[in-house]
All heavy atoms as atom14 arrays in JSON, in Angstrom:
{
  "sequence": "GCDPGNEVSLQRLLAIKQRDAGKGLILIAADFGQLARWLAEIDPA",
  "atom14_mask": [
    [1, 1, 1, 1, 0, 0, 0, 0, 0, 0, 0, 0, 0, 0],
    [1, 1, 1, 1, 1, 1, 0, 0, 0, 0, 0, 0, 0, 0],
    [1, 1, 1, 1, 1, 1, 1, 1, 0, 0, 0, 0, 0, 0],
    [1, 1, 1, 1, 1, 1, 1, 0, 0, 0, 0, 0, 0, 0],
    [1, 1, 1, 1, 0, 0, 0, 0, 0, 0, 0, 0, 0, 0],
    [1, 1, 1, 1, 1, 1, 1, 1, 0, 0, 0, 0, 0, 0],
    [1, 1, 1, 1, 1, 1, 1, 1, 1, 0, 0, 0, 0, 0],
    [1, 1, 1, 1, 1, 1, 1, 0, 0, 0, 0, 0, 0, 0],
    [1, 1, 1, 1, 1, 1, 0, 0, 0, 0, 0, 0, 0, 0],
    [1, 1, 1, 1, 1, 1, 1, 1, 0, 0, 0, 0, 0, 0],
    [1, 1, 1, 1, 1, 1, 1, 1, 1, 0, 0, 0, 0, 0],
    [1, 1, 1, 1, 1, 1, 1, 1, 1, 1, 1, 0, 0, 0],
    [1, 1, 1, 1, 1, 1, 1, 1, 0, 0, 0, 0, 0, 0],
    [1, 1, 1, 1, 1, 1, 1, 1, 0, 0, 0, 0, 0, 0],
    [1, 1, 1, 1, 1, 0, 0, 0, 0, 0, 0, 0, 0, 0],
    [1, 1, 1, 1, 1, 1, 1, 1, 0, 0, 0, 0, 0, 0],
    [1, 1, 1, 1, 1, 1, 1, 1, 1, 0, 0, 0, 0, 0],
    [1, 1, 1, 1, 1, 1, 1, 1, 1, 0, 0, 0, 0, 0],
    [1, 1, 1, 1, 1, 1, 1, 1, 1, 1, 1, 0, 0, 0],
    [1, 1, 1, 1, 1, 1, 1, 1, 0, 0, 0, 0, 0, 0],
    [1, 1, 1, 1, 1, 0, 0, 0, 0, 0, 0, 0, 0, 0],
    [1, 1, 1, 1, 0, 0, 0, 0, 0, 0, 0, 0, 0, 0],
    [1, 1, 1, 1, 1, 1, 1, 1, 1, 0, 0, 0, 0, 0],
    [1, 1, 1, 1, 0, 0, 0, 0, 0, 0, 0, 0, 0, 0],
    [1, 1, 1, 1, 1, 1, 1, 1, 0, 0, 0, 0, 0, 0],
    [1, 1, 1, 1, 1, 1, 1, 1, 0, 0, 0, 0, 0, 0],
    [1, 1, 1, 1, 1, 1, 1, 1, 0, 0, 0, 0, 0, 0],
    [1, 1, 1, 1, 1, 1, 1, 1, 0, 0, 0, 0, 0, 0],
    [1, 1, 1, 1, 1, 0, 0, 0, 0, 0, 0, 0, 0, 0],
    [1, 1, 1, 1, 1, 0, 0, 0, 0, 0, 0, 0, 0, 0],
    [1, 1, 1, 1, 1, 1, 1, 1, 0, 0, 0, 0, 0, 0],
    [1, 1, 1, 1, 1, 1, 1, 1, 1, 1, 1, 0, 0, 0],
    [1, 1, 1, 1, 0, 0, 0, 0, 0, 0, 0, 0, 0, 0],
    [1, 1, 1, 1, 1, 1, 1, 1, 1, 0, 0, 0, 0, 0],
    [1, 1, 1, 1, 1, 1, 1, 1, 0, 0, 0, 0, 0, 0],
    [1, 1, 1, 1, 1, 0, 0, 0, 0, 0, 0, 0, 0, 0],
    [1, 1, 1, 1, 1, 1, 1, 1, 1, 1, 1, 0, 0, 0],
    [1, 1, 1, 1, 1, 1, 1, 1, 1, 1, 1, 1, 1, 1],
    [1, 1, 1, 1, 1, 1, 1, 1, 0, 0, 0, 0, 0, 0],
    [1, 1, 1, 1, 1, 0, 0, 0, 0, 0, 0, 0, 0, 0],
    [1, 1, 1, 1, 1, 1, 1, 1, 1, 0, 0, 0, 0, 0],
    [1, 1, 1, 1, 1, 1, 1, 1, 0, 0, 0, 0, 0, 0],
    [1, 1, 1, 1, 1, 1, 1, 1, 0, 0, 0, 0, 0, 0],
    [1, 1, 1, 1, 1, 1, 1, 0, 0, 0, 0, 0, 0, 0],
    [1, 1, 1, 1, 1, 0, 0, 0, 0, 0, 0, 0, 0, 0]
  ],
  "atom14_positions": [
    [[99.12, 106.65, 103.34], [98.39, 105.54, 102.74], [99.38, 104.44, 102.43], [100.56, 104.57, 102.31], [0.0, 0.0, 0.0], [0.0, 0.0, 0.0], [0.0, 0.0, 0.0], [0.0, 0.0, 0.0], [0.0, 0.0, 0.0], [0.0, 0.0, 0.0], [0.0, 0.0, 0.0], [0.0, 0.0, 0.0], [0.0, 0.0, 0.0], [0.0, 0.0, 0.0]],
    [[98.69, 103.25, 102.28], [99.42, 101.99, 101.86], [98.44, 101.1, 101.22], [97.21, 101.42, 101.19], [100.1, 101.4, 103.1], [99.01, 100.65, 104.33], [0.0, 0.0, 0.0], [0.0, 0.0, 0.0], [0.0, 0.0, 0.0], [0.0, 0.0, 0.0], [0.0, 0.0, 0.0], [0.0, 0.0, 0.0], [0.0, 0.0, 0.0], [0.0, 0.0, 0.0]],
    [[98.87, 100.01, 100.76], [98.0, 98.95, 100.13], [97.25, 98.28, 101.27], [97.85, 97.73, 102.13], [98.89, 97.99, 99.4], [98.1, 96.83, 98.81], [96.84, 96.65, 99.08], [98.82, 96.06, 98.04], [0.0, 0.0, 0.0], [0.0, 0.0, 0.0], [0.0, 0.0, 0.0], [0.0, 0.0, 0.0], [0.0, 0.0, 0.0], [0.0, 0.0, 0.0]],
    [[95.97, 98.39, 101.27], [95.13, 97.78, 102.35], [95.23, 96.28, 102.37], [94.83, 95.66, 103.39], [93.72, 98.23, 102.04], [93.63, 98.66, 100.65], [95.06, 99.04, 100.27], [0.0, 0.0, 0.0], [0.0, 0.0, 0.0], [0.0, 0.0, 0.0], [0.0, 0.0, 0.0], [0.0, 0.0, 0.0], [0.0, 0.0, 0.0], [0.0, 0.0, 0.0]],
    [[95.64, 95.64, 101.37], [95.83, 94.18, 101.37], [97.2, 93.72, 101.8], [97.44, 92.47, 101.84], [0.0, 0.0, 0.0], [0.0, 0.0, 0.0], [0.0, 0.0, 0.0], [0.0, 0.0, 0.0], [0.0, 0.0, 0.0], [0.0, 0.0, 0.0], [0.0, 0.0, 0.0], [0.0, 0.0, 0.0], [0.0, 0.0, 0.0], [0.0, 0.0, 0.0]],
    [[98.07, 94.63, 102.23], [99.39, 94.21, 102.67], [99.56, 94.38, 104.16], [99.57, 95.46, 104.63], [100.42, 95.17, 101.9], [101.86, 94.78, 102.2], [102.21, 94.44, 103.27], [102.64, 94.84, 101.14], [0.0, 0.0, 0.0], [0.0, 0.0, 0.0], [0.0, 0.0, 0.0], [0.0, 0.0, 0.0], [0.0, 0.0, 0.0], [0.0, 0.0, 0.0]],
    [[99.49, 93.23, 104.8], [99.47, 93.21, 106.35], [100.8, 93.88, 106.89], [100.72, 94.57, 107.83], [99.32, 91.83, 106.84], [98.02, 91.15, 106.56], [96.97, 91.54, 107.5], [97.18, 91.53, 108.76], [95.79, 91.85, 107.06], [0.0, 0.0, 0.0], [0.0, 0.0, 0.0], [0.0, 0.0, 0.0], [0.0, 0.0, 0.0], [0.0, 0.0, 0.0]],
    [[101.89, 93.7, 106.23], [103.15, 94.15, 106.73], [103.09, 95.73, 106.67], [103.47, 96.44, 107.55], [104.38, 93.68, 105.94], [105.66, 94.35, 106.31], [104.51, 92.12, 106.23], [0.0, 0.0, 0.0], [0.0, 0.0, 0.0], [0.0, 0.0, 0.0], [0.0, 0.0, 0.0], [0.0, 0.0, 0.0], [0.0, 0.0, 0.0], [0.0, 0.0, 0.0]],
    [[102.62, 96.23, 105.53], [102.51, 97.68, 105.32], [101.52, 98.26, 106.34], [101.71, 99.32, 106.93], [101.92, 98.05, 103.93], [102.87, 97.6, 102.95], [0.0, 0.0, 0.0], [0.0, 0.0, 0.0], [0.0, 0.0, 0.0], [0.0, 0.0, 0.0], [0.0, 0.0, 0.0], [0.0, 0.0, 0.0], [0.0, 0.0, 0.0], [0.0, 0.0, 0.0]],
    [[100.41, 97.64, 106.65], [99.41, 98.05, 107.6], [100.05, 98.17, 109.05], [99.93, 99.17, 109.76], [98.21, 97.17, 107.7], [97.35, 97.12, 106.47], [96.24, 96.02, 106.5], [96.6, 98.49, 106.19], [0.0, 0.0, 0.0], [0.0, 0.0, 0.0], [0.0, 0.0, 0.0], [0.0, 0.0, 0.0], [0.0, 0.0, 0.0], [0.0, 0.0, 0.0]],
    [[100.82, 97.05, 109.38], [101.5, 97.12, 110.72], [102.48, 98.21, 110.79], [102.58, 98.89, 111.82], [102.16, 95.69, 110.9], [101.22, 94.65, 111.16], [101.81, 93.29, 111.18], [103.01, 93.09, 110.75], [101.1, 92.26, 111.66], [0.0, 0.0, 0.0], [0.0, 0.0, 0.0], [0.0, 0.0, 0.0], [0.0, 0.0, 0.0], [0.0, 0.0, 0.0]],
    [[103.23, 98.46, 109.72], [104.29, 99.47, 109.68], [103.65, 100.84, 109.81], [104.06, 101.74, 110.56], [105.05, 99.39, 108.43], [106.12, 100.47, 108.34], [107.13, 100.21, 107.12], [107.93, 101.43, 106.94], [107.97, 102.0, 105.74], [107.37, 101.47, 104.68], [108.59, 103.1, 105.66], [0.0, 0.0, 0.0], [0.0, 0.0, 0.0], [0.0, 0.0, 0.0]],
    [[102.49, 101.07, 109.06], [101.76, 102.39, 109.11], [101.27, 102.59, 110.53], [101.47, 103.74, 111.1], [100.56, 102.38, 108.14], [99.73, 103.65, 108.1], [100.59, 104.85, 107.71], [98.6, 103.44, 107.18], [0.0, 0.0, 0.0], [0.0, 0.0, 0.0], [0.0, 0.0, 0.0], [0.0, 0.0, 0.0], [0.0, 0.0, 0.0], [0.0, 0.0, 0.0]],
    [[100.69, 101.63, 111.18], [100.17, 101.88, 112.56], [101.35, 102.09, 113.49], [101.24, 102.97, 114.43], [99.46, 100.58, 113.07], [98.06, 100.36, 112.29], [97.59, 98.97, 112.65], [97.15, 101.39, 112.74], [0.0, 0.0, 0.0], [0.0, 0.0, 0.0], [0.0, 0.0, 0.0], [0.0, 0.0, 0.0], [0.0, 0.0, 0.0], [0.0, 0.0, 0.0]],
    [[102.48, 101.47, 113.29], [103.71, 101.76, 114.16], [104.19, 103.19, 113.91], [104.55, 103.91, 114.9], [104.77, 100.73, 113.9], [0.0, 0.0, 0.0], [0.0, 0.0, 0.0], [0.0, 0.0, 0.0], [0.0, 0.0, 0.0], [0.0, 0.0, 0.0], [0.0, 0.0, 0.0], [0.0, 0.0, 0.0], [0.0, 0.0, 0.0], [0.0, 0.0, 0.0]],
    [[104.26, 103.63, 112.66], [104.76, 104.99, 112.33], [103.92, 106.05, 113.02], [104.4, 106.97, 113.61], [104.89, 105.19, 110.85], [105.97, 104.41, 110.22], [104.98, 106.76, 110.53], [106.0, 104.31, 108.67], [0.0, 0.0, 0.0], [0.0, 0.0, 0.0], [0.0, 0.0, 0.0], [0.0, 0.0, 0.0], [0.0, 0.0, 0.0], [0.0, 0.0, 0.0]],
    [[102.55, 105.78, 112.99], [101.66, 106.77, 113.49], [101.49, 106.58, 115.04], [100.94, 107.44, 115.72], [100.23, 106.63, 112.94], [100.07, 107.2, 111.56], [98.66, 107.14, 111.14], [97.55, 107.71, 112.02], [97.36, 109.16, 111.88], [0.0, 0.0, 0.0], [0.0, 0.0, 0.0], [0.0, 0.0, 0.0], [0.0, 0.0, 0.0], [0.0, 0.0, 0.0]],
    [[101.97, 105.42, 115.62], [101.8, 105.14, 116.99], [100.3, 105.11, 117.28], [99.85, 105.58, 118.31], [102.56, 106.13, 117.85], [104.05, 106.2, 117.66], [104.75, 107.41, 118.24], [104.13, 108.25, 118.95], [105.97, 107.55, 117.95], [0.0, 0.0, 0.0], [0.0, 0.0, 0.0], [0.0, 0.0, 0.0], [0.0, 0.0, 0.0], [0.0, 0.0, 0.0]],
    [[99.53, 104.47, 116.38], [98.13, 104.39, 116.46], [97.62, 103.0, 117.0], [98.2, 102.02, 116.5], [97.52, 104.62, 115.07], [96.0, 104.56, 114.98], [95.52, 104.85, 113.59], [94.1, 104.71, 113.49], [93.2, 105.68, 113.67], [93.59, 106.91, 114.03], [91.93, 105.48, 113.59], [0.0, 0.0, 0.0], [0.0, 0.0, 0.0], [0.0, 0.0, 0.0]],
    [[96.74, 103.07, 117.81], [96.12, 101.81, 118.44], [95.45, 101.08, 117.35], [94.55, 101.68, 116.69], [95.11, 102.31, 119.51], [94.31, 101.1, 120.14], [94.56, 99.94, 119.73], [93.57, 101.33, 121.0], [0.0, 0.0, 0.0], [0.0, 0.0, 0.0], [0.0, 0.0, 0.0], [0.0, 0.0, 0.0], [0.0, 0.0, 0.0], [0.0, 0.0, 0.0]],
    [[95.83, 99.85, 117.11], [95.23, 99.04, 115.99], [93.74, 98.8, 116.27], [93.04, 98.51, 115.27], [95.98, 97.67, 115.86], [0.0, 0.0, 0.0], [0.0, 0.0, 0.0], [0.0, 0.0, 0.0], [0.0, 0.0, 0.0], [0.0, 0.0, 0.0], [0.0, 0.0, 0.0], [0.0, 0.0, 0.0], [0.0, 0.0, 0.0], [0.0, 0.0, 0.0]],
    [[93.26, 98.95, 117.41], [91.87, 98.76, 117.72], [90.91, 99.81, 117.15], [89.73, 99.68, 116.99], [0.0, 0.0, 0.0], [0.0, 0.0, 0.0], [0.0, 0.0, 0.0], [0.0, 0.0, 0.0], [0.0, 0.0, 0.0], [0.0, 0.0, 0.0], [0.0, 0.0, 0.0], [0.0, 0.0, 0.0], [0.0, 0.0, 0.0], [0.0, 0.0, 0.0]],
    [[91.49, 100.96, 116.77], [90.74, 102.06, 116.23], [90.3, 101.8, 114.75], [89.37, 102.41, 114.34], [91.5, 103.43, 116.3], [91.67, 103.86, 117.77], [92.38, 105.22, 117.69], [92.49, 105.81, 119.1], [93.17, 107.13, 119.02], [0.0, 0.0, 0.0], [0.0, 0.0, 0.0], [0.0, 0.0, 0.0], [0.0, 0.0, 0.0], [0.0, 0.0, 0.0]],
    [[91.09, 101.09, 114.04], [90.83, 100.88, 112.61], [91.27, 101.98, 111.74], [91.74, 103.02, 112.23], [0.0, 0.0, 0.0], [0.0, 0.0, 0.0], [0.0, 0.0, 0.0], [0.0, 0.0, 0.0], [0.0, 0.0, 0.0], [0.0, 0.0, 0.0], [0.0, 0.0, 0.0], [0.0, 0.0, 0.0], [0.0, 0.0, 0.0], [0.0, 0.0, 0.0]],
    [[91.15, 101.84, 110.39], [91.74, 102.76, 109.48], [90.53, 103.09, 108.46], [89.58, 102.41, 108.35], [92.86, 102.23, 108.76], [94.12, 101.97, 109.67], [95.08, 101.08, 108.97], [94.78, 103.34, 109.97], [0.0, 0.0, 0.0], [0.0, 0.0, 0.0], [0.0, 0.0, 0.0], [0.0, 0.0, 0.0], [0.0, 0.0, 0.0], [0.0, 0.0, 0.0]],
    [[90.75, 104.12, 107.67], [89.81, 104.5, 106.64], [90.39, 104.08, 105.24], [91.64, 104.17, 105.09], [89.59, 106.08, 106.62], [88.88, 106.46, 107.91], [88.87, 106.43, 105.33], [88.71, 108.03, 108.02], [0.0, 0.0, 0.0], [0.0, 0.0, 0.0], [0.0, 0.0, 0.0], [0.0, 0.0, 0.0], [0.0, 0.0, 0.0], [0.0, 0.0, 0.0]],
    [[89.49, 103.66, 104.41], [89.94, 103.45, 102.95], [89.3, 104.53, 102.08], [88.13, 104.81, 102.33], [89.42, 102.06, 102.48], [89.94, 100.78, 103.14], [89.41, 99.55, 102.3], [91.54, 100.82, 103.11], [0.0, 0.0, 0.0], [0.0, 0.0, 0.0], [0.0, 0.0, 0.0], [0.0, 0.0, 0.0], [0.0, 0.0, 0.0], [0.0, 0.0, 0.0]],
    [[90.03, 105.01, 101.21], [89.54, 105.95, 100.15], [89.64, 105.25, 98.85], [90.41, 104.33, 98.58], [90.26, 107.32, 100.09], [91.67, 107.1, 99.78], [90.02, 108.04, 101.45], [92.38, 108.45, 99.31], [0.0, 0.0, 0.0], [0.0, 0.0, 0.0], [0.0, 0.0, 0.0], [0.0, 0.0, 0.0], [0.0, 0.0, 0.0], [0.0, 0.0, 0.0]],
    [[88.81, 105.74, 97.9], [88.78, 105.17, 96.55], [88.33, 106.2, 95.55], [87.81, 107.27, 95.91], [87.87, 103.91, 96.5], [0.0, 0.0, 0.0], [0.0, 0.0, 0.0], [0.0, 0.0, 0.0], [0.0, 0.0, 0.0], [0.0, 0.0, 0.0], [0.0, 0.0, 0.0], [0.0, 0.0, 0.0], [0.0, 0.0, 0.0], [0.0, 0.0, 0.0]],
    [[88.53, 105.9, 94.3], [88.17, 106.77, 93.23], [86.78, 106.57, 92.82], [86.07, 107.4, 92.28], [89.08, 106.59, 91.99], [0.0, 0.0, 0.0], [0.0, 0.0, 0.0], [0.0, 0.0, 0.0], [0.0, 0.0, 0.0], [0.0, 0.0, 0.0], [0.0, 0.0, 0.0], [0.0, 0.0, 0.0], [0.0, 0.0, 0.0], [0.0, 0.0, 0.0]],
    [[86.26, 105.24, 93.05], [84.92, 104.87, 92.7], [84.51, 103.67, 93.6], [85.36, 103.04, 94.2], [84.75, 104.53, 91.24], [85.64, 103.36, 90.79], [85.52, 102.26, 91.36], [86.46, 103.61, 89.87], [0.0, 0.0, 0.0], [0.0, 0.0, 0.0], [0.0, 0.0, 0.0], [0.0, 0.0, 0.0], [0.0, 0.0, 0.0], [0.0, 0.0, 0.0]],
    [[83.19, 103.45, 93.59], [82.72, 102.45, 94.48], [83.3, 101.01, 94.19], [83.4, 100.2, 95.06], [81.16, 102.41, 94.54], [80.62, 101.42, 95.46], [80.69, 101.66, 96.88], [80.01, 100.22, 95.05], [80.16, 100.75, 97.78], [79.51, 99.24, 96.03], [79.62, 99.56, 97.36], [0.0, 0.0, 0.0], [0.0, 0.0, 0.0], [0.0, 0.0, 0.0]],
    [[83.52, 100.73, 92.92], [83.98, 99.47, 92.53], [85.33, 99.12, 93.29], [85.6, 98.03, 93.47], [0.0, 0.0, 0.0], [0.0, 0.0, 0.0], [0.0, 0.0, 0.0], [0.0, 0.0, 0.0], [0.0, 0.0, 0.0], [0.0, 0.0, 0.0], [0.0, 0.0, 0.0], [0.0, 0.0, 0.0], [0.0, 0.0, 0.0], [0.0, 0.0, 0.0]],
    [[86.11, 100.17, 93.56], [87.41, 99.88, 94.28], [87.13, 99.49, 95.72], [88.0, 98.9, 96.33], [88.21, 101.08, 94.24], [88.75, 101.43, 92.8], [89.61, 102.65, 92.81], [89.6, 103.52, 93.66], [90.49, 102.65, 91.74], [0.0, 0.0, 0.0], [0.0, 0.0, 0.0], [0.0, 0.0, 0.0], [0.0, 0.0, 0.0], [0.0, 0.0, 0.0]],
    [[85.92, 99.8, 96.32], [85.71, 99.43, 97.67], [84.93, 98.16, 97.81], [85.0, 97.45, 98.88], [84.8, 100.57, 98.31], [85.49, 101.9, 98.46], [84.45, 102.99, 98.9], [86.59, 101.84, 99.46], [0.0, 0.0, 0.0], [0.0, 0.0, 0.0], [0.0, 0.0, 0.0], [0.0, 0.0, 0.0], [0.0, 0.0, 0.0], [0.0, 0.0, 0.0]],
    [[84.21, 97.69, 96.78], [83.36, 96.61, 96.87], [83.94, 95.39, 97.52], [83.31, 94.62, 98.24], [82.69, 96.35, 95.48], [0.0, 0.0, 0.0], [0.0, 0.0, 0.0], [0.0, 0.0, 0.0], [0.0, 0.0, 0.0], [0.0, 0.0, 0.0], [0.0, 0.0, 0.0], [0.0, 0.0, 0.0], [0.0, 0.0, 0.0], [0.0, 0.0, 0.0]],
    [[85.2, 95.03, 97.17], [85.78, 93.8, 97.68], [85.98, 93.74, 99.18], [86.15, 92.75, 99.8], [87.1, 93.47, 97.01], [88.23, 94.47, 97.4], [89.58, 94.05, 96.88], [90.32, 93.11, 97.75], [91.56, 93.04, 97.75], [92.34, 93.73, 97.01], [92.11, 92.24, 98.62], [0.0, 0.0, 0.0], [0.0, 0.0, 0.0], [0.0, 0.0, 0.0]],
    [[85.89, 94.93, 99.79], [86.08, 95.03, 101.2], [84.79, 95.05, 102.01], [84.77, 94.85, 103.24], [86.89, 96.34, 101.57], [88.05, 96.51, 100.76], [88.29, 97.18, 99.66], [89.39, 95.87, 101.08], [89.67, 97.03, 99.21], [90.27, 96.22, 100.14], [89.73, 95.01, 102.13], [91.61, 95.74, 100.06], [91.09, 94.54, 102.11], [92.02, 94.97, 101.12]],
    [[83.68, 95.3, 101.32], [82.38, 95.59, 102.0], [81.36, 94.52, 101.89], [81.19, 93.91, 100.79], [81.86, 96.92, 101.44], [82.73, 98.1, 101.44], [82.06, 99.36, 100.84], [83.22, 98.38, 102.83], [0.0, 0.0, 0.0], [0.0, 0.0, 0.0], [0.0, 0.0, 0.0], [0.0, 0.0, 0.0], [0.0, 0.0, 0.0], [0.0, 0.0, 0.0]],
    [[80.63, 94.27, 102.94], [79.52, 93.34, 102.97], [78.34, 93.92, 102.13], [78.19, 95.1, 102.02], [79.08, 93.02, 104.39], [0.0, 0.0, 0.0], [0.0, 0.0, 0.0], [0.0, 0.0, 0.0], [0.0, 0.0, 0.0], [0.0, 0.0, 0.0], [0.0, 0.0, 0.0], [0.0, 0.0, 0.0], [0.0, 0.0, 0.0], [0.0, 0.0, 0.0]],
    [[77.54, 93.0, 101.55], [76.33, 93.49, 100.83], [75.33, 94.14, 101.81], [75.18, 93.51, 103.02], [75.72, 92.37, 100.14], [76.48, 91.78, 98.99], [76.55, 92.78, 97.85], [75.63, 93.42, 97.5], [77.66, 92.76, 97.18], [0.0, 0.0, 0.0], [0.0, 0.0, 0.0], [0.0, 0.0, 0.0], [0.0, 0.0, 0.0], [0.0, 0.0, 0.0]],
    [[74.74, 95.2, 101.53], [73.72, 95.76, 102.32], [72.42, 96.07, 101.44], [72.54, 95.94, 100.23], [74.19, 97.07, 103.07], [74.57, 98.18, 102.09], [75.24, 96.73, 103.98], [74.91, 99.51, 102.72], [0.0, 0.0, 0.0], [0.0, 0.0, 0.0], [0.0, 0.0, 0.0], [0.0, 0.0, 0.0], [0.0, 0.0, 0.0], [0.0, 0.0, 0.0]],
    [[71.38, 96.48, 102.15], [70.23, 96.81, 101.46], [70.43, 97.83, 100.41], [71.12, 98.85, 100.57], [69.17, 97.35, 102.45], [67.85, 97.74, 101.81], [67.72, 98.95, 101.32], [66.91, 96.96, 101.77], [0.0, 0.0, 0.0], [0.0, 0.0, 0.0], [0.0, 0.0, 0.0], [0.0, 0.0, 0.0], [0.0, 0.0, 0.0], [0.0, 0.0, 0.0]],
    [[69.99, 97.66, 99.1], [70.33, 98.53, 98.05], [69.91, 99.96, 98.23], [70.61, 100.87, 97.83], [69.5, 97.95, 96.79], [69.42, 96.41, 97.17], [69.3, 96.41, 98.61], [0.0, 0.0, 0.0], [0.0, 0.0, 0.0], [0.0, 0.0, 0.0], [0.0, 0.0, 0.0], [0.0, 0.0, 0.0], [0.0, 0.0, 0.0], [0.0, 0.0, 0.0]],
    [[68.74, 100.19, 98.97], [68.32, 101.58, 99.21], [69.28, 102.25, 100.18], [69.57, 103.44, 99.93], [66.91, 101.55, 99.79], [0.0, 0.0, 0.0], [0.0, 0.0, 0.0], [0.0, 0.0, 0.0], [0.0, 0.0, 0.0], [0.0, 0.0, 0.0], [0.0, 0.0, 0.0], [0.0, 0.0, 0.0], [0.0, 0.0, 0.0], [0.0, 0.0, 0.0]]
  ]
}
């Protein structure tokens, strides 16, 4: 893991893993509030 807001860390993590940047990454959180800033609004249901 790294700080998802730190572009240098993201690039370094992808390089360490030798992962194709086109695949994307997963974010984990302790609660939904920690994810909200990253996510678009969707239907409440």
